[in-house]
Protein backbone atom coordinates (compact mmCIF):
# COMPACT_ATOMS: atom_id res chain seq x y z
CA MET A 1 88.72 -87.70 -42.31
CA LYS A 2 92.34 -88.17 -43.33
CA THR A 3 94.55 -85.11 -43.50
CA ARG A 4 98.12 -84.63 -44.51
CA VAL A 5 100.15 -81.55 -43.68
CA TYR A 6 103.41 -81.64 -45.68
CA ASN A 7 106.37 -79.57 -46.64
CA VAL A 8 106.76 -78.19 -43.16
CA LYS A 9 109.43 -77.67 -40.52
CA VAL A 10 108.03 -79.48 -37.44
CA LEU A 11 108.63 -78.02 -33.95
CA THR A 12 107.35 -80.98 -31.94
CA MET A 13 108.11 -79.35 -28.54
CA GLU A 14 110.12 -82.46 -27.68
CA GLU A 15 113.76 -81.49 -27.39
CA GLY A 16 115.89 -83.18 -29.96
CA LYS A 17 112.94 -84.38 -32.05
CA ASP A 18 112.40 -81.42 -34.36
CA ILE A 19 112.15 -82.19 -38.11
CA SER A 20 113.69 -79.80 -40.58
CA GLN A 21 111.59 -80.98 -43.49
CA GLY A 22 108.70 -83.38 -42.92
CA GLU A 23 104.99 -84.01 -42.63
CA VAL A 24 102.15 -84.85 -40.21
CA TRP A 25 99.32 -87.20 -40.84
CA ILE A 26 96.02 -86.87 -39.06
CA GLN A 27 93.08 -89.30 -38.70
CA ASP A 28 90.00 -87.31 -37.55
CA ASP A 29 91.32 -85.46 -34.56
CA MET A 30 94.45 -87.58 -33.81
CA ILE A 31 98.02 -87.41 -35.11
CA THR A 32 99.01 -90.76 -36.67
CA TYR A 33 102.47 -89.95 -38.07
CA VAL A 34 105.17 -87.36 -37.66
CA GLY A 35 108.34 -87.55 -39.65
CA PRO A 36 110.01 -87.15 -43.07
CA TYR A 37 108.16 -87.87 -46.28
CA ARG A 38 106.65 -91.31 -46.41
CA GLU A 39 104.43 -92.70 -49.10
CA ALA A 40 100.80 -93.24 -47.93
CA GLN A 41 98.87 -96.43 -48.63
CA GLU A 42 95.54 -94.66 -48.87
CA ALA A 43 94.18 -91.47 -50.46
CA TRP A 44 93.92 -88.20 -48.46
CA ASP A 45 90.64 -86.34 -47.85
CA LYS A 46 92.63 -83.15 -47.46
CA GLU A 47 96.18 -82.12 -48.09
CA ILE A 48 97.81 -78.93 -46.84
CA ASP A 49 101.04 -77.69 -48.35
CA GLY A 50 102.92 -75.90 -45.56
CA GLN A 51 105.23 -74.23 -48.12
CA GLY A 52 108.29 -74.65 -45.87
CA ASN A 53 106.73 -72.94 -42.89
CA LEU A 54 106.82 -73.99 -39.19
CA LEU A 55 104.25 -76.42 -37.76
CA MET A 56 103.97 -76.53 -33.96
CA PRO A 57 101.43 -77.39 -31.25
CA GLY A 58 98.91 -74.62 -30.64
CA PHE A 59 99.19 -72.25 -27.71
CA LYS A 60 96.93 -72.75 -24.66
CA ASN A 61 95.36 -69.74 -23.02
CA ALA A 62 95.54 -71.17 -19.51
CA HIS A 63 93.48 -68.45 -17.82
CA THR A 64 90.85 -66.32 -19.39
CA HIS A 65 87.30 -65.04 -19.11
CA SER A 66 86.36 -65.33 -22.74
CA ALA A 67 83.02 -63.49 -22.68
CA MET A 68 84.62 -60.44 -21.08
CA THR A 69 85.12 -59.22 -24.67
CA PHE A 70 81.95 -57.16 -24.04
CA LEU A 71 83.89 -55.17 -21.53
CA ARG A 72 86.86 -54.42 -23.74
CA SER A 73 87.88 -50.73 -23.24
CA TYR A 74 84.94 -50.13 -20.96
CA ALA A 75 86.62 -49.90 -17.56
CA ASP A 76 90.25 -48.92 -18.22
CA ASP A 77 92.80 -47.03 -16.12
CA LEU A 78 91.21 -47.96 -12.73
CA LYS A 79 92.47 -49.63 -9.62
CA LEU A 80 91.54 -53.30 -9.33
CA ASN A 81 88.91 -52.92 -6.57
CA GLU A 82 87.23 -49.96 -8.32
CA TRP A 83 87.42 -51.74 -11.63
CA LEU A 84 85.97 -54.96 -10.25
CA TYR A 85 83.27 -53.73 -7.81
CA ASN A 86 82.20 -50.44 -9.51
CA LYS A 87 82.38 -51.41 -13.20
CA VAL A 88 82.82 -55.14 -13.89
CA PHE A 89 80.42 -56.70 -11.31
CA PRO A 90 77.52 -54.37 -12.13
CA ALA A 91 77.92 -54.95 -15.87
CA GLU A 92 78.20 -58.70 -15.39
CA ALA A 93 74.95 -58.74 -13.45
CA LYS A 94 73.20 -57.82 -16.67
CA LEU A 95 74.89 -60.46 -18.74
CA THR A 96 72.54 -63.08 -20.34
CA GLY A 97 73.42 -66.47 -21.60
CA GLU A 98 72.68 -65.48 -25.21
CA GLY A 99 74.93 -62.44 -24.88
CA LEU A 100 77.69 -64.58 -23.36
CA TYR A 101 77.40 -67.02 -26.33
CA TRP A 102 78.27 -64.30 -28.87
CA PHE A 103 80.90 -62.63 -26.73
CA THR A 104 82.60 -66.00 -26.31
CA LYS A 105 82.60 -66.65 -30.05
CA LEU A 106 84.22 -63.27 -30.52
CA ALA A 107 87.05 -64.31 -28.08
CA PHE A 108 87.49 -67.59 -29.91
CA MET A 109 88.08 -65.66 -33.16
CA GLU A 110 90.77 -63.56 -31.46
CA TYR A 111 92.35 -66.67 -29.96
CA LEU A 112 92.61 -68.32 -33.37
CA THR A 113 94.39 -65.35 -34.92
CA SER A 114 96.97 -65.67 -32.10
CA GLY A 115 97.55 -69.39 -32.60
CA ILE A 116 95.58 -70.35 -29.43
CA THR A 117 93.80 -73.69 -29.74
CA THR A 118 92.50 -74.11 -26.23
CA ALA A 119 91.01 -71.70 -23.62
CA TYR A 120 90.81 -72.45 -19.91
CA ASP A 121 87.79 -70.40 -19.13
CA MET A 122 86.28 -69.29 -15.83
CA TYR A 123 82.94 -67.47 -16.15
CA PHE A 124 79.22 -67.65 -15.91
CA HIS A 125 76.45 -69.34 -18.01
CA VAL A 126 78.70 -72.41 -18.58
CA ASP A 127 76.20 -74.05 -20.95
CA ASP A 128 76.24 -71.04 -23.29
CA GLY A 129 80.08 -71.05 -23.34
CA VAL A 130 80.04 -74.76 -24.08
CA ARG A 131 77.48 -74.14 -26.90
CA ALA A 132 79.80 -71.52 -28.42
CA ALA A 133 82.71 -73.97 -28.33
CA LYS A 134 80.70 -76.81 -29.85
CA ASP A 135 79.35 -74.60 -32.59
CA THR A 136 82.74 -73.25 -33.56
CA GLY A 137 84.80 -76.37 -32.95
CA PHE A 138 87.15 -74.64 -30.46
CA ARG A 139 88.71 -76.62 -27.56
CA TYR A 140 87.24 -75.39 -24.31
CA ALA A 141 88.22 -76.26 -20.72
CA PHE A 142 86.10 -74.71 -18.02
CA CYS A 143 86.26 -74.21 -14.25
CA ASP A 144 83.54 -72.65 -12.10
CA SER A 145 83.85 -69.27 -10.49
CA ILE A 146 81.46 -69.71 -7.55
CA ASN A 147 81.76 -67.38 -4.59
CA ASN A 148 79.65 -65.73 -1.91
CA PHE A 149 77.66 -63.90 -4.63
CA GLY A 150 76.54 -66.98 -6.50
CA GLY A 151 76.97 -70.69 -7.19
CA THR A 152 76.96 -73.84 -5.05
CA VAL A 153 79.26 -76.76 -4.48
CA GLU A 154 76.41 -79.01 -5.66
CA GLN A 155 76.29 -77.18 -9.00
CA VAL A 156 80.06 -77.50 -9.39
CA GLU A 157 79.79 -81.26 -8.90
CA LYS A 158 76.98 -81.48 -11.44
CA ASP A 159 79.12 -79.55 -14.01
CA PHE A 160 82.12 -81.70 -13.26
CA LEU A 161 80.14 -84.93 -13.91
CA ARG A 162 78.23 -83.82 -16.96
CA LEU A 163 80.96 -81.79 -18.73
CA ASN A 164 83.61 -84.49 -18.66
CA THR A 165 81.73 -86.97 -20.84
CA ASP A 166 83.02 -85.72 -24.24
CA PRO A 167 85.25 -88.56 -25.62
CA SER A 168 87.02 -86.10 -27.94
CA ARG A 169 87.90 -83.89 -24.95
CA GLN A 170 86.84 -80.83 -26.96
CA ILE A 171 84.84 -79.92 -23.87
CA SER A 172 86.21 -80.54 -20.36
CA HIS A 173 85.57 -79.31 -16.80
CA ARG A 174 87.73 -78.72 -13.74
CA ILE A 175 86.76 -77.97 -10.13
CA GLY A 176 87.24 -74.30 -9.18
CA PHE A 177 85.99 -71.20 -7.41
CA HIS A 178 86.64 -67.45 -7.84
CA ALA A 179 89.06 -66.45 -5.04
CA GLU A 180 89.77 -66.64 -1.36
CA TYR A 181 88.67 -63.03 -0.76
CA THR A 182 85.27 -63.52 -2.39
CA THR A 183 84.51 -66.98 -0.86
CA SER A 184 83.55 -68.02 2.63
CA LYS A 185 85.50 -70.64 4.59
CA GLU A 186 82.46 -72.90 4.51
CA LEU A 187 82.21 -72.73 0.76
CA MET A 188 85.94 -73.38 0.35
CA GLU A 189 85.69 -76.40 2.65
CA GLY A 190 82.90 -77.67 0.50
CA ILE A 191 85.13 -77.42 -2.60
CA ALA A 192 87.92 -79.17 -0.77
CA ALA A 193 85.56 -82.02 0.12
CA LEU A 194 84.51 -82.26 -3.51
CA ALA A 195 88.11 -82.29 -4.73
CA ASP A 196 88.83 -85.13 -2.23
CA LYS A 197 85.79 -87.04 -3.47
CA TYR A 198 87.04 -87.08 -7.07
CA GLN A 199 90.78 -86.74 -6.21
CA ALA A 200 90.77 -83.69 -8.49
CA PRO A 201 92.89 -80.50 -8.64
CA VAL A 202 91.36 -77.13 -7.75
CA SER A 203 91.64 -73.93 -9.83
CA VAL A 204 91.36 -70.41 -8.32
CA HIS A 205 92.54 -66.82 -8.53
CA CYS A 206 95.36 -66.40 -6.01
CA SER A 207 97.58 -63.65 -4.57
CA GLU A 208 96.93 -61.26 -7.49
CA THR A 209 97.36 -58.05 -5.45
CA ARG A 210 99.22 -56.99 -2.35
CA LYS A 211 95.96 -55.82 -0.79
CA GLU A 212 94.45 -59.33 -1.22
CA VAL A 213 97.39 -60.89 0.52
CA GLU A 214 97.48 -58.40 3.36
CA GLU A 215 93.74 -58.71 4.07
CA CYS A 216 93.97 -62.51 4.12
CA ARG A 217 96.88 -62.34 6.55
CA GLU A 218 94.98 -59.95 8.78
CA LYS A 219 91.89 -62.26 8.75
CA THR A 220 93.63 -65.69 9.04
CA GLY A 221 97.23 -65.08 9.95
CA MET A 222 98.26 -66.72 6.72
CA SER A 223 98.88 -65.94 3.08
CA PRO A 224 96.11 -66.93 0.60
CA VAL A 225 98.14 -69.92 -0.57
CA ALA A 226 98.84 -71.18 2.95
CA TYR A 227 95.26 -70.52 4.14
CA MET A 228 93.66 -72.34 1.24
CA ASP A 229 96.09 -75.17 1.63
CA SER A 230 95.21 -75.44 5.28
CA LEU A 231 91.60 -75.98 4.22
CA GLY A 232 92.68 -79.01 2.15
CA LEU A 233 92.01 -77.40 -1.25
CA PHE A 234 95.31 -78.47 -2.88
CA ARG A 235 95.69 -82.06 -1.66
CA HIS A 236 95.30 -83.21 -5.26
CA GLY A 237 97.20 -80.33 -6.92
CA GLY A 238 95.71 -77.33 -8.58
CA THR A 239 96.07 -74.47 -11.08
CA LEU A 240 96.51 -71.02 -9.52
CA PHE A 241 95.92 -67.91 -11.56
CA HIS A 242 98.26 -64.88 -11.15
CA CYS A 243 100.41 -65.73 -8.03
CA VAL A 244 102.07 -62.29 -7.98
CA HIS A 245 102.63 -61.60 -4.33
CA MET A 246 104.05 -64.68 -2.61
CA ASP A 247 105.41 -65.47 0.89
CA GLU A 248 108.53 -67.62 1.20
CA THR A 249 106.55 -70.57 2.44
CA ASP A 250 104.16 -70.32 -0.52
CA PHE A 251 106.79 -71.49 -2.97
CA ASP A 252 107.29 -74.65 -0.98
CA ILE A 253 103.59 -75.34 -0.86
CA LEU A 254 103.29 -74.93 -4.64
CA LYS A 255 106.28 -77.31 -5.13
CA LYS A 256 105.00 -79.89 -2.62
CA ARG A 257 101.44 -79.95 -4.07
CA GLY A 258 102.50 -80.05 -7.76
CA ILE A 259 100.54 -76.89 -8.44
CA TYR A 260 100.62 -75.10 -11.80
CA VAL A 261 101.02 -71.29 -11.82
CA VAL A 262 99.35 -69.38 -14.63
CA THR A 263 100.90 -65.97 -15.15
CA ASN A 264 98.99 -63.12 -16.80
CA PRO A 265 101.61 -60.40 -17.29
CA ALA A 266 99.67 -57.95 -19.47
CA SER A 267 96.62 -57.92 -17.15
CA ASN A 268 98.80 -57.59 -14.04
CA LEU A 269 100.67 -54.67 -15.58
CA LYS A 270 97.53 -52.84 -16.75
CA LEU A 271 95.89 -53.11 -13.28
CA ALA A 272 99.20 -52.32 -11.56
CA SER A 273 98.94 -55.61 -9.63
CA GLY A 274 102.59 -56.33 -9.95
CA ILE A 275 105.07 -58.72 -11.65
CA ALA A 276 104.96 -62.43 -10.73
CA PRO A 277 108.28 -64.08 -9.66
CA ILE A 278 108.46 -66.29 -12.73
CA LYS A 279 112.20 -66.94 -12.54
CA ARG A 280 111.82 -68.19 -8.99
CA TYR A 281 109.10 -70.59 -10.09
CA VAL A 282 111.21 -71.90 -12.97
CA ASP A 283 114.33 -72.25 -10.84
CA MET A 284 112.35 -74.30 -8.22
CA GLY A 285 110.76 -76.49 -10.91
CA ILE A 286 107.29 -75.08 -10.30
CA PRO A 287 105.50 -75.36 -13.71
CA VAL A 288 104.30 -72.11 -15.24
CA ALA A 289 101.69 -71.57 -17.94
CA ILE A 290 100.47 -68.41 -19.58
CA GLY A 291 97.04 -66.81 -19.80
CA THR A 292 95.69 -63.61 -21.22
CA ASP A 293 93.01 -63.01 -18.51
CA GLY A 294 89.85 -61.35 -19.84
CA ALA A 295 89.51 -58.57 -22.36
CA ALA A 296 88.23 -56.22 -19.65
CA SER A 297 91.66 -56.11 -18.05
CA ASN A 298 94.14 -56.90 -20.80
CA ASN A 299 92.47 -55.81 -23.32
CA CYS A 300 94.13 -57.98 -25.94
CA LEU A 301 93.90 -61.77 -26.25
CA ASP A 302 97.32 -62.20 -27.78
CA MET A 303 99.75 -64.95 -26.79
CA PHE A 304 102.68 -63.39 -28.61
CA ARG A 305 102.43 -60.27 -26.49
CA GLU A 306 102.12 -62.37 -23.27
CA MET A 307 105.14 -64.49 -24.20
CA PHE A 308 107.39 -61.49 -24.64
CA LEU A 309 106.18 -59.89 -21.43
CA VAL A 310 106.92 -63.04 -19.46
CA THR A 311 110.54 -63.12 -20.40
CA GLY A 312 111.11 -59.34 -20.81
CA LEU A 313 109.79 -58.46 -17.38
CA GLN A 314 111.81 -61.15 -15.68
CA LYS A 315 115.01 -60.04 -17.40
CA ALA A 316 114.29 -56.42 -16.07
CA VAL A 317 113.29 -57.17 -12.49
CA CYS A 318 116.00 -59.80 -12.03
CA ASP A 319 118.70 -57.68 -13.67
CA ASP A 320 119.56 -60.72 -15.57
CA PRO A 321 119.33 -61.03 -19.44
CA GLU A 322 119.57 -64.81 -19.11
CA ALA A 323 116.43 -65.05 -16.97
CA VAL A 324 113.54 -67.18 -18.36
CA PRO A 325 114.96 -67.86 -21.86
CA ALA A 326 112.77 -68.11 -24.97
CA TRP A 327 112.51 -71.91 -25.06
CA GLU A 328 111.19 -72.00 -21.47
CA VAL A 329 108.51 -69.43 -22.40
CA LEU A 330 107.53 -71.39 -25.52
CA LYS A 331 107.11 -74.49 -23.32
CA MET A 332 104.85 -72.49 -20.98
CA ALA A 333 102.62 -71.36 -23.85
CA ALA A 334 102.31 -74.69 -25.68
CA VAL A 335 103.17 -77.55 -23.37
CA ASN A 336 102.66 -76.49 -19.73
CA GLY A 337 99.45 -74.78 -20.73
CA ALA A 338 98.11 -78.12 -21.83
CA TYR A 339 98.85 -79.69 -18.44
CA ALA A 340 97.46 -76.72 -16.51
CA CYS A 341 94.18 -77.21 -18.41
CA GLY A 342 94.18 -80.96 -17.75
CA LEU A 343 94.76 -81.78 -21.46
CA ALA A 344 98.02 -83.76 -21.57
CA GLU A 345 97.00 -85.12 -24.94
CA CYS A 346 97.38 -81.68 -26.50
CA ASP A 347 100.93 -80.90 -25.41
CA LYS A 348 103.19 -81.87 -28.33
CA ILE A 349 103.23 -83.06 -31.92
CA ALA A 350 103.53 -86.81 -31.62
CA GLU A 351 101.64 -89.93 -32.65
CA GLY A 352 98.52 -90.37 -30.47
CA LYS A 353 98.27 -86.69 -29.61
CA LYS A 354 95.42 -84.36 -30.55
CA ALA A 355 95.80 -82.48 -33.83
CA ASP A 356 95.71 -78.96 -32.33
CA LEU A 357 98.30 -77.37 -34.60
CA ILE A 358 99.44 -73.99 -35.84
CA LEU A 359 101.35 -73.11 -38.92
CA ILE A 360 103.72 -70.21 -38.51
CA ASP A 361 104.55 -68.07 -41.52
CA LEU A 362 108.36 -67.80 -41.73
CA ASN A 363 108.20 -65.78 -44.91
CA GLN A 364 107.68 -62.53 -43.03
CA PRO A 365 110.34 -59.87 -42.20
CA ASN A 366 110.17 -60.46 -38.46
CA MET A 367 111.07 -64.14 -38.90
CA GLN A 368 114.16 -63.49 -41.11
CA PRO A 369 116.96 -64.53 -41.00
CA LEU A 370 115.90 -68.03 -39.99
CA ARG A 371 118.73 -68.39 -37.46
CA ASN A 372 116.46 -69.56 -34.58
CA PRO A 373 112.75 -69.81 -35.24
CA GLU A 374 111.96 -70.64 -31.60
CA LYS A 375 113.53 -67.42 -30.40
CA ASN A 376 111.99 -65.44 -33.23
CA LEU A 377 108.53 -66.64 -32.03
CA VAL A 378 109.05 -65.28 -28.52
CA TYR A 379 111.10 -62.17 -29.20
CA SER A 380 109.83 -60.96 -32.52
CA GLY A 381 106.76 -63.06 -33.36
CA SER A 382 103.25 -61.63 -33.75
CA LYS A 383 99.82 -62.52 -34.98
CA MET A 384 100.91 -61.74 -38.54
CA ASN A 385 102.86 -64.98 -38.40
CA VAL A 386 99.89 -67.23 -37.71
CA LYS A 387 99.10 -68.65 -41.07
CA MET A 388 96.76 -71.48 -39.93
CA THR A 389 95.12 -72.61 -36.69
CA MET A 390 93.79 -76.22 -36.53
CA VAL A 391 91.78 -77.66 -33.62
CA GLY A 392 90.94 -81.34 -33.49
CA GLY A 393 92.10 -81.83 -37.05
CA LYS A 394 89.81 -79.10 -38.38
CA VAL A 395 91.14 -75.87 -39.88
CA LEU A 396 89.33 -73.02 -38.12
CA TYR A 397 91.52 -70.19 -39.33
CA GLN A 398 93.73 -69.91 -42.41
CA ASP A 399 95.30 -67.01 -44.31
CA GLY A 400 93.12 -64.46 -42.56
CA GLU A 401 89.83 -66.35 -43.08
CA PHE A 402 87.71 -67.99 -40.42
CA TYR A 403 86.01 -71.36 -40.99
CA LEU A 404 83.37 -71.37 -38.29
CA ASP A 405 79.66 -72.01 -38.13
CA CYS A 406 78.80 -68.45 -39.06
CA SER A 407 80.42 -65.42 -40.61
CA LYS A 408 82.71 -63.05 -38.76
CA GLU A 409 80.29 -60.24 -39.68
CA GLU A 410 77.48 -61.89 -37.83
CA ILE A 411 79.62 -62.44 -34.71
CA PHE A 412 80.69 -58.80 -34.79
CA ARG A 413 77.09 -57.66 -35.27
CA LYS A 414 75.68 -59.79 -32.45
CA ALA A 415 78.49 -58.98 -30.01
CA ASN A 416 78.06 -55.25 -30.54
CA GLU A 417 74.30 -55.53 -30.22
CA TYR A 418 74.41 -57.33 -26.91
CA ALA A 419 77.23 -55.13 -25.57
CA GLU A 420 75.08 -52.04 -26.33
CA GLN A 421 72.16 -53.54 -24.40
CA ILE A 422 74.30 -54.08 -21.34
CA LEU A 423 76.45 -51.00 -21.32
CA GLN A 424 74.12 -48.32 -22.62
């Protein structure tokens, strides 16, 4: 399949390499040319006229629980522990693989409308999530969420080996577990040994709430970051979700281990968990990516809202309007997110990279005047500007229409049907 996207402004996400008027050529799922107009030697299977709009790499939702769409607006306005133990865990205990399949497809639809081309998921029934991704064509990275309530190190290893065999990298797996406060020392040591065996990074929820940090310190004498590091979990790096309440020594550990932080500002605000010290991470060279978290705590799977919150909150808490500028936030959403998911081939628009692209409609009031499209994206952009979302060279969303394996009406119907069964 040979595809040409032409008549576009190309934001490659490589500084100094943007193209004011150009085109991108795609062979199957790979980019083969980026530059000004050039006559092709062969015919195209598909041509897309970008009508002068902006083409850029897709956003990566670097931390989410996709199937939590079934809990949207179900357990709102509650403290985290009450929300988690009294509402979320009991409902999740009733979740079936078939229900998860449809709830995940619903999340994929929402991601596509927000220009998200990859989700780094952490949830249950991994095979049903994978099936949803394969059926829709969405790019899906996954890490396990084992803890004292379920899952084994042996199962994580099996998942790691069998879910990293896709040559297209549409499906991939990373070693992970739920959190320090839900997982025994023995189980964490088992995960550390597994990470050593494959020299692989570890992903985990970390330091989301002040209570979590205080209880870990009472139990171990250390912060969650320091404690997990002492168990050998981060010898090969990692991706830590949230990282809101940090000790001074934690920053040095993150920097030393080459750890990625994934911030989830909307979820942390809604659950009153706090505001992560993003400016400190950026100033220290600790890479930051962005995630929505699940629809039970957000409740919106919207990268534009997350991007604005990342920068807006830092400007406020640091009393500094220069804190975390727009370009840095855009890098978090598109480039760093790819690395946090283990998908370096999806970071930029360049030859040899995956064709995970989004077309941004510049002919909307919130994008005019076209003085600085990058800043417009972060400070005034919204879902209304996502004209097309392409994953692996395939258009999955364009001009308000979805191009999936089934209709949006069927996904809505099935999702509502299974949600009613669980939450009645």
